[in-house]
Amino acid sequence: MKSSDAAKVAKLLLRAKTLPAMKGLVEDLLTEQEIEAVAERIEIFSLLLQGTPHREIAERLQCGVATVTRGSHELKYGSGVVGRLLKR
């Protein structure tokens, strides 16, 4: 992914000033499967931040341990934005 692509998406998302507008934008941009995948990632991040073990998260969400580990890696080495937003 190019950073210019991420910036283009971020700029459009920032234009949605209300929850209904953001929800509509997300539904227009993403397929149902993509929305489900993003929602799962958010749940993984939330559970990781609560200290839930990787295997327990994988069992609870019926996903692979590798998927949980990728989420953990993003929390540790990514930009940190997801963790800060979820802690609010």
N, C-alpha and C. Protein backbone atom coordinates (compact mmCIF):
# COMPACT_ATOMS: atom_id res chain seq x y z
N MET A 1 0.84 -1.17 0.00
CA MET A 1 0.00 0.00 0.00
C MET A 1 0.89 1.24 0.00
N LYS A 2 0.56 2.17 -0.86
CA LYS A 2 1.28 3.43 -0.90
C LYS A 2 0.73 4.36 0.16
N SER A 3 1.60 5.17 0.75
CA SER A 3 1.13 6.11 1.77
C SER A 3 0.18 7.12 1.17
N SER A 4 0.32 7.40 -0.13
CA SER A 4 -0.62 8.33 -0.78
C SER A 4 -2.02 7.73 -0.83
N ASP A 5 -2.13 6.41 -0.96
CA ASP A 5 -3.43 5.75 -0.94
C ASP A 5 -4.06 5.86 0.44
N ALA A 6 -3.27 5.63 1.47
CA ALA A 6 -3.77 5.73 2.83
C ALA A 6 -4.21 7.16 3.12
N ALA A 7 -3.47 8.13 2.64
CA ALA A 7 -3.82 9.53 2.85
C ALA A 7 -5.12 9.88 2.13
N LYS A 8 -5.28 9.36 0.93
CA LYS A 8 -6.51 9.61 0.16
C LYS A 8 -7.74 9.08 0.90
N VAL A 9 -7.62 7.86 1.42
CA VAL A 9 -8.72 7.25 2.18
C VAL A 9 -8.97 8.04 3.46
N ALA A 10 -7.90 8.39 4.17
CA ALA A 10 -8.04 9.12 5.43
C ALA A 10 -8.72 10.47 5.22
N LYS A 11 -8.34 11.17 4.17
CA LYS A 11 -8.96 12.48 3.88
C LYS A 11 -10.46 12.34 3.65
N LEU A 12 -10.86 11.32 2.93
CA LEU A 12 -12.28 11.12 2.69
C LEU A 12 -13.00 10.76 3.99
N LEU A 13 -12.41 9.89 4.79
CA LEU A 13 -13.03 9.50 6.07
C LEU A 13 -13.21 10.71 6.98
N LEU A 14 -12.27 11.63 6.95
CA LEU A 14 -12.37 12.82 7.80
C LEU A 14 -13.53 13.73 7.41
N ARG A 15 -14.00 13.61 6.19
CA ARG A 15 -15.13 14.45 5.76
C ARG A 15 -16.45 14.01 6.38
N ALA A 16 -16.52 12.78 6.84
CA ALA A 16 -17.73 12.27 7.49
C ALA A 16 -17.73 12.78 8.93
N LYS A 17 -18.56 13.75 9.21
CA LYS A 17 -18.54 14.42 10.52
C LYS A 17 -19.47 13.79 11.56
N THR A 18 -20.35 12.89 11.12
CA THR A 18 -21.29 12.27 12.05
C THR A 18 -21.20 10.76 11.93
N LEU A 19 -21.68 10.07 12.96
CA LEU A 19 -21.68 8.60 12.92
C LEU A 19 -22.49 8.06 11.74
N PRO A 20 -23.72 8.59 11.48
CA PRO A 20 -24.46 8.09 10.31
C PRO A 20 -23.72 8.31 8.99
N ALA A 21 -23.05 9.45 8.87
CA ALA A 21 -22.28 9.70 7.64
C ALA A 21 -21.11 8.74 7.53
N MET A 22 -20.41 8.50 8.63
CA MET A 22 -19.28 7.57 8.62
C MET A 22 -19.74 6.15 8.31
N LYS A 23 -20.85 5.75 8.92
CA LYS A 23 -21.39 4.40 8.68
C LYS A 23 -21.74 4.24 7.20
N GLY A 24 -22.40 5.23 6.63
CA GLY A 24 -22.75 5.18 5.21
C GLY A 24 -21.53 5.12 4.32
N LEU A 25 -20.52 5.90 4.66
CA LEU A 25 -19.29 5.91 3.88
C LEU A 25 -18.60 4.55 3.93
N VAL A 26 -18.51 3.98 5.13
CA VAL A 26 -17.89 2.66 5.28
C VAL A 26 -18.66 1.62 4.47
N GLU A 27 -19.98 1.66 4.54
CA GLU A 27 -20.80 0.70 3.80
C GLU A 27 -20.68 0.89 2.29
N ASP A 28 -20.46 2.13 1.85
CA ASP A 28 -20.27 2.39 0.41
C ASP A 28 -18.90 1.94 -0.08
N LEU A 29 -17.89 2.09 0.78
CA LEU A 29 -16.52 1.79 0.38
C LEU A 29 -16.15 0.32 0.47
N LEU A 30 -16.71 -0.38 1.46
CA LEU A 30 -16.26 -1.74 1.75
C LEU A 30 -17.38 -2.75 1.51
N THR A 31 -16.97 -3.96 1.17
CA THR A 31 -17.93 -5.05 1.07
C THR A 31 -18.30 -5.51 2.48
N GLU A 32 -19.34 -6.30 2.58
CA GLU A 32 -19.75 -6.83 3.88
C GLU A 32 -18.62 -7.64 4.51
N GLN A 33 -17.92 -8.43 3.70
CA GLN A 33 -16.81 -9.24 4.21
C GLN A 33 -15.66 -8.37 4.70
N GLU A 34 -15.38 -7.28 3.99
CA GLU A 34 -14.31 -6.38 4.42
C GLU A 34 -14.67 -5.69 5.73
N ILE A 35 -15.93 -5.29 5.87
CA ILE A 35 -16.38 -4.67 7.13
C ILE A 35 -16.25 -5.67 8.27
N GLU A 36 -16.66 -6.91 8.04
CA GLU A 36 -16.53 -7.95 9.07
C GLU A 36 -15.06 -8.16 9.44
N ALA A 37 -14.17 -8.15 8.46
CA ALA A 37 -12.75 -8.35 8.73
C ALA A 37 -12.18 -7.19 9.56
N VAL A 38 -12.58 -5.97 9.24
CA VAL A 38 -12.12 -4.81 10.00
C VAL A 38 -12.66 -4.87 11.42
N ALA A 39 -13.95 -5.22 11.55
CA ALA A 39 -14.56 -5.33 12.89
C ALA A 39 -13.85 -6.40 13.72
N GLU A 40 -13.46 -7.51 13.08
CA GLU A 40 -12.72 -8.55 13.79
C GLU A 40 -11.37 -8.03 14.25
N ARG A 41 -10.69 -7.29 13.40
CA ARG A 41 -9.39 -6.73 13.79
C ARG A 41 -9.54 -5.79 14.98
N ILE A 42 -10.59 -4.97 14.97
CA ILE A 42 -10.82 -4.06 16.08
C ILE A 42 -11.06 -4.84 17.37
N GLU A 43 -11.83 -5.94 17.26
CA GLU A 43 -12.08 -6.78 18.44
C GLU A 43 -10.79 -7.42 18.92
N ILE A 44 -9.95 -7.86 18.01
CA ILE A 44 -8.65 -8.43 18.37
C ILE A 44 -7.81 -7.40 19.13
N PHE A 45 -7.73 -6.18 18.58
CA PHE A 45 -6.98 -5.12 19.25
C PHE A 45 -7.53 -4.87 20.65
N SER A 46 -8.85 -4.79 20.78
CA SER A 46 -9.48 -4.52 22.08
C SER A 46 -9.13 -5.61 23.09
N LEU A 47 -9.24 -6.86 22.67
CA LEU A 47 -8.94 -7.97 23.58
C LEU A 47 -7.46 -8.00 23.95
N LEU A 48 -6.59 -7.71 22.99
CA LEU A 48 -5.16 -7.65 23.28
C LEU A 48 -4.87 -6.56 24.31
N LEU A 49 -5.50 -5.41 24.15
CA LEU A 49 -5.28 -4.31 25.09
C LEU A 49 -5.77 -4.65 26.49
N GLN A 50 -6.75 -5.56 26.58
CA GLN A 50 -7.26 -6.01 27.87
C GLN A 50 -6.37 -7.10 28.48
N GLY A 51 -5.36 -7.54 27.72
CA GLY A 51 -4.44 -8.56 28.22
C GLY A 51 -4.90 -9.99 27.98
N THR A 52 -5.87 -10.18 27.11
CA THR A 52 -6.37 -11.52 26.80
C THR A 52 -5.29 -12.29 26.04
N PRO A 53 -5.01 -13.54 26.43
CA PRO A 53 -3.99 -14.35 25.73
C PRO A 53 -4.38 -14.61 24.27
N HIS A 54 -3.36 -14.71 23.44
CA HIS A 54 -3.56 -14.91 22.00
C HIS A 54 -4.46 -16.11 21.69
N ARG A 55 -4.17 -17.23 22.31
CA ARG A 55 -4.96 -18.44 22.02
C ARG A 55 -6.42 -18.28 22.41
N GLU A 56 -6.66 -17.60 23.52
CA GLU A 56 -8.04 -17.37 23.96
C GLU A 56 -8.78 -16.48 22.96
N ILE A 57 -8.10 -15.46 22.45
CA ILE A 57 -8.71 -14.58 21.45
C ILE A 57 -9.04 -15.38 20.20
N ALA A 58 -8.08 -16.18 19.74
CA ALA A 58 -8.28 -16.99 18.54
C ALA A 58 -9.47 -17.93 18.70
N GLU A 59 -9.58 -18.57 19.86
CA GLU A 59 -10.71 -19.48 20.11
C GLU A 59 -12.03 -18.72 20.17
N ARG A 60 -12.03 -17.60 20.90
CA ARG A 60 -13.25 -16.82 21.07
C ARG A 60 -13.77 -16.27 19.74
N LEU A 61 -12.85 -15.78 18.90
CA LEU A 61 -13.25 -15.17 17.64
C LEU A 61 -13.21 -16.15 16.47
N GLN A 62 -12.79 -17.36 16.73
CA GLN A 62 -12.67 -18.40 15.70
C GLN A 62 -11.82 -17.93 14.53
N CYS A 63 -10.63 -17.43 14.89
CA CYS A 63 -9.67 -17.01 13.88
C CYS A 63 -8.33 -17.66 14.22
N GLY A 64 -7.39 -17.52 13.33
CA GLY A 64 -6.09 -18.14 13.55
C GLY A 64 -5.24 -17.37 14.55
N VAL A 65 -4.37 -18.08 15.24
CA VAL A 65 -3.44 -17.45 16.17
C VAL A 65 -2.55 -16.46 15.40
N ALA A 66 -2.22 -16.78 14.15
CA ALA A 66 -1.39 -15.89 13.34
C ALA A 66 -2.09 -14.55 13.13
N THR A 67 -3.40 -14.56 12.98
CA THR A 67 -4.16 -13.32 12.82
C THR A 67 -4.06 -12.47 14.08
N VAL A 68 -4.17 -13.12 15.22
CA VAL A 68 -4.05 -12.41 16.51
C VAL A 68 -2.63 -11.87 16.67
N THR A 69 -1.65 -12.67 16.30
CA THR A 69 -0.25 -12.25 16.41
C THR A 69 0.02 -11.04 15.52
N ARG A 70 -0.57 -11.00 14.33
CA ARG A 70 -0.41 -9.83 13.46
C ARG A 70 -0.97 -8.59 14.14
N GLY A 71 -2.13 -8.74 14.79
CA GLY A 71 -2.71 -7.62 15.53
C GLY A 71 -1.81 -7.16 16.65
N SER A 72 -1.24 -8.10 17.36
CA SER A 72 -0.32 -7.79 18.45
C SER A 72 0.90 -7.04 17.91
N HIS A 73 1.41 -7.49 16.79
CA HIS A 73 2.57 -6.85 16.17
C HIS A 73 2.23 -5.40 15.81
N GLU A 74 1.05 -5.18 15.26
CA GLU A 74 0.64 -3.81 14.90
C GLU A 74 0.54 -2.92 16.14
N LEU A 75 0.01 -3.48 17.23
CA LEU A 75 -0.09 -2.69 18.46
C LEU A 75 1.29 -2.33 18.99
N LYS A 76 2.25 -3.25 18.88
CA LYS A 76 3.59 -3.01 19.42
C LYS A 76 4.44 -2.14 18.51
N TYR A 77 4.36 -2.35 17.19
CA TYR A 77 5.30 -1.72 16.26
C TYR A 77 4.65 -0.79 15.24
N GLY A 78 3.33 -0.71 15.24
CA GLY A 78 2.64 0.18 14.31
C GLY A 78 2.68 1.62 14.79
N SER A 79 1.84 2.43 14.22
CA SER A 79 1.82 3.87 14.54
C SER A 79 1.33 4.15 15.95
N GLY A 80 0.59 3.23 16.54
CA GLY A 80 0.06 3.42 17.88
C GLY A 80 -1.31 4.09 17.92
N VAL A 81 -1.80 4.48 16.77
CA VAL A 81 -3.08 5.20 16.71
C VAL A 81 -4.23 4.32 17.16
N VAL A 82 -4.28 3.07 16.71
CA VAL A 82 -5.38 2.18 17.07
C VAL A 82 -5.45 2.01 18.57
N GLY A 83 -4.32 1.76 19.18
CA GLY A 83 -4.30 1.57 20.64
C GLY A 83 -4.78 2.80 21.38
N ARG A 84 -4.32 3.98 20.96
CA ARG A 84 -4.75 5.22 21.62
C ARG A 84 -6.24 5.46 21.45
N LEU A 85 -6.77 5.22 20.27
CA LEU A 85 -8.19 5.44 20.03
C LEU A 85 -9.06 4.45 20.81
N LEU A 86 -8.61 3.20 20.90
CA LEU A 86 -9.40 2.20 21.61
C LEU A 86 -9.35 2.40 23.13
N LYS A 87 -8.33 3.07 23.63
CA LYS A 87 -8.21 3.32 25.07
C LYS A 87 -9.06 4.50 25.52
N ARG A 88 -9.60 5.26 24.59
CA ARG A 88 -10.42 6.44 24.95
C ARG A 88 -11.70 6.02 25.61
